[in-house]
Structures are given as C-alpha cells and as structure tokens.
Amino acid sequence: MPDELKAKTTVIANGDTTEIDGISIGAVPAYNITPDRLKFHPKGRDNGYVLTLGNQRVYIAGDTRTRPRCVR
C-alpha cells in the first residue's frame, strides 16, 4: 500500500470498533466454513464490517462464504 494511503488507514481486528466521520464501523469475523477452504480464510483472520449510520446498519461481508445473514 502506498504511504499516502497508509496515512489514511485505520486497522481494526475482529471485535474492534472505530468511528469515522460519524459512522460507527465494527469488524466482525469473515471466514469460510468448508474444510477445504479454511486454509484460505481461517476464522479470526479476516473481517466483515457493520456500518451504523443513524438508525440504519449495513453489513459488508468481506471475503466470506456466501450465505444469508441478518444483522440486528
């Protein structure tokens, strides 16, 4: 990543939260659940994100297995 972008980057891990420009951002685990894919995306390493904008929440899955998911 170029230094110019690194200066604008906030790193958060599974379970961490931060706020940027009034938007709450929470990191949640993003992982595969099939045994043959676990070596590529093990639980605890990658993130999905929950953005909270006022009363609305948006889930960004990250690199994870496709499956229905509900954020409450």
C-alpha atoms as a PDB file:
ATOM      1  CA  MET A   1       0.000   0.000   0.000  1.00  0.00           C
ATOM      2  CA  PRO A   2       1.424   3.415  -0.877  1.00  0.00           C
ATOM      3  CA  ASP A   3       2.462   5.587   2.086  1.00  0.00           C
ATOM      4  CA  GLU A   4      -0.173   8.184   1.130  1.00  0.00           C
ATOM      5  CA  LEU A   5      -2.936   5.595   1.690  1.00  0.00           C
ATOM      6  CA  LYS A   6      -1.299   4.138   4.814  1.00  0.00           C
ATOM      7  CA  ALA A   7      -1.559   7.572   6.435  1.00  0.00           C
ATOM      8  CA  LYS A   8      -5.349   7.476   5.888  1.00  0.00           C
ATOM      9  CA  THR A   9      -5.818   3.882   7.070  1.00  0.00           C
ATOM     10  CA  THR A  10      -7.242   2.621  10.358  1.00  0.00           C
ATOM     11  CA  VAL A  11      -6.618  -1.075  11.062  1.00  0.00           C
ATOM     12  CA  ILE A  12      -9.198  -2.912  13.174  1.00  0.00           C
ATOM     13  CA  ALA A  13      -9.397  -6.602  14.113  1.00  0.00           C
ATOM     14  CA  ASN A  14     -12.370  -8.917  14.721  1.00  0.00           C
ATOM     15  CA  GLY A  15     -14.451  -7.405  17.514  1.00  0.00           C
ATOM     16  CA  ASP A  16     -12.923  -3.909  17.276  1.00  0.00           C
ATOM     17  CA  THR A  17     -14.914  -0.772  16.516  1.00  0.00           C
ATOM     18  CA  THR A  18     -13.986   2.699  15.364  1.00  0.00           C
ATOM     19  CA  GLU A  19     -15.807   5.807  14.183  1.00  0.00           C
ATOM     20  CA  ILE A  20     -15.013   7.813  11.078  1.00  0.00           C
ATOM     21  CA  ASP A  21     -16.979  10.921  10.069  1.00  0.00           C
ATOM     22  CA  GLY A  22     -19.846   9.966  12.395  1.00  0.00           C
ATOM     23  CA  ILE A  23     -20.119   6.439  11.004  1.00  0.00           C
ATOM     24  CA  SER A  24     -19.579   3.624  13.501  1.00  0.00           C
ATOM     25  CA  ILE A  25     -17.603   0.730  11.984  1.00  0.00           C
ATOM     26  CA  GLY A  26     -17.469  -2.674  13.691  1.00  0.00           C
ATOM     27  CA  ALA A  27     -15.270  -5.537  12.500  1.00  0.00           C
ATOM     28  CA  VAL A  28     -16.857  -8.996  12.547  1.00  0.00           C
ATOM     29  CA  PRO A  29     -15.307 -12.338  11.522  1.00  0.00           C
ATOM     30  CA  ALA A  30     -15.371 -13.201   7.798  1.00  0.00           C
ATOM     31  CA  TYR A  31     -14.375 -16.780   7.041  1.00  0.00           C
ATOM     32  CA  ASN A  32     -15.140 -19.910   5.075  1.00  0.00           C
ATOM     33  CA  ILE A  33     -16.857 -22.859   6.743  1.00  0.00           C
ATOM     34  CA  THR A  34     -15.986 -25.733   4.413  1.00  0.00           C
ATOM     35  CA  PRO A  35     -12.874 -27.730   5.404  1.00  0.00           C
ATOM     36  CA  ASP A  36     -11.186 -27.368   2.005  1.00  0.00           C
ATOM     37  CA  ARG A  37     -11.497 -23.545   2.161  1.00  0.00           C
ATOM     38  CA  LEU A  38     -10.467 -22.986   5.806  1.00  0.00           C
ATOM     39  CA  LYS A  39      -6.788 -22.864   4.838  1.00  0.00           C
ATOM     40  CA  PHE A  40      -7.513 -19.796   2.689  1.00  0.00           C
ATOM     41  CA  HIS A  41      -9.732 -17.858   5.102  1.00  0.00           C
ATOM     42  CA  PRO A  42      -9.474 -19.188   8.665  1.00  0.00           C
ATOM     43  CA  LYS A  43     -11.810 -17.876  11.336  1.00  0.00           C
ATOM     44  CA  GLY A  44     -10.392 -14.896  13.213  1.00  0.00           C
ATOM     45  CA  ARG A  45      -8.082 -13.568  10.499  1.00  0.00           C
ATOM     46  CA  ASP A  46     -10.346 -11.668   8.076  1.00  0.00           C
ATOM     47  CA  ASN A  47     -13.048  -9.065   8.646  1.00  0.00           C
ATOM     48  CA  GLY A  48     -16.529  -8.214   7.503  1.00  0.00           C
ATOM     49  CA  TYR A  49     -17.874  -4.842   8.635  1.00  0.00           C
ATOM     50  CA  VAL A  50     -21.053  -3.459  10.171  1.00  0.00           C
ATOM     51  CA  LEU A  51     -21.517   0.253   9.468  1.00  0.00           C
ATOM     52  CA  THR A  52     -24.017   2.148  11.600  1.00  0.00           C
ATOM     53  CA  LEU A  53     -25.447   5.332  10.107  1.00  0.00           C
ATOM     54  CA  GLY A  54     -28.071   6.786  12.429  1.00  0.00           C
ATOM     55  CA  ASN A  55     -30.697   4.058  12.868  1.00  0.00           C
ATOM     56  CA  GLN A  56     -29.538   2.059   9.841  1.00  0.00           C
ATOM     57  CA  ARG A  57     -26.968  -0.762   9.855  1.00  0.00           C
ATOM     58  CA  VAL A  58     -25.197  -2.063   6.753  1.00  0.00           C
ATOM     59  CA  TYR A  59     -23.274  -5.339   6.635  1.00  0.00           C
ATOM     60  CA  ILE A  60     -20.279  -5.658   4.283  1.00  0.00           C
ATOM     61  CA  ALA A  61     -19.426  -9.349   4.151  1.00  0.00           C
ATOM     62  CA  GLY A  62     -15.747  -9.187   3.281  1.00  0.00           C
ATOM     63  CA  ASP A  63     -14.232 -12.328   1.774  1.00  0.00           C
ATOM     64  CA  THR A  64     -16.512 -14.986   3.244  1.00  0.00           C
ATOM     65  CA  ARG A  65     -18.694 -17.856   2.123  1.00  0.00           C
ATOM     66  CA  THR A  66     -21.996 -16.767   0.618  1.00  0.00           C
ATOM     67  CA  ARG A  67     -24.875 -17.407   2.976  1.00  0.00           C
ATOM     68  CA  PRO A  68     -27.848 -15.412   4.226  1.00  0.00           C
ATOM     69  CA  ARG A  69     -27.022 -13.335   7.262  1.00  0.00           C
ATOM     70  CA  CYS A  70     -29.032 -10.947   9.357  1.00  0.00           C
ATOM     71  CA  VAL A  71     -27.513  -8.096  11.366  1.00  0.00           C
ATOM     72  CA  ARG A  72     -29.616  -6.862  14.259  1.00  0.00           C
END
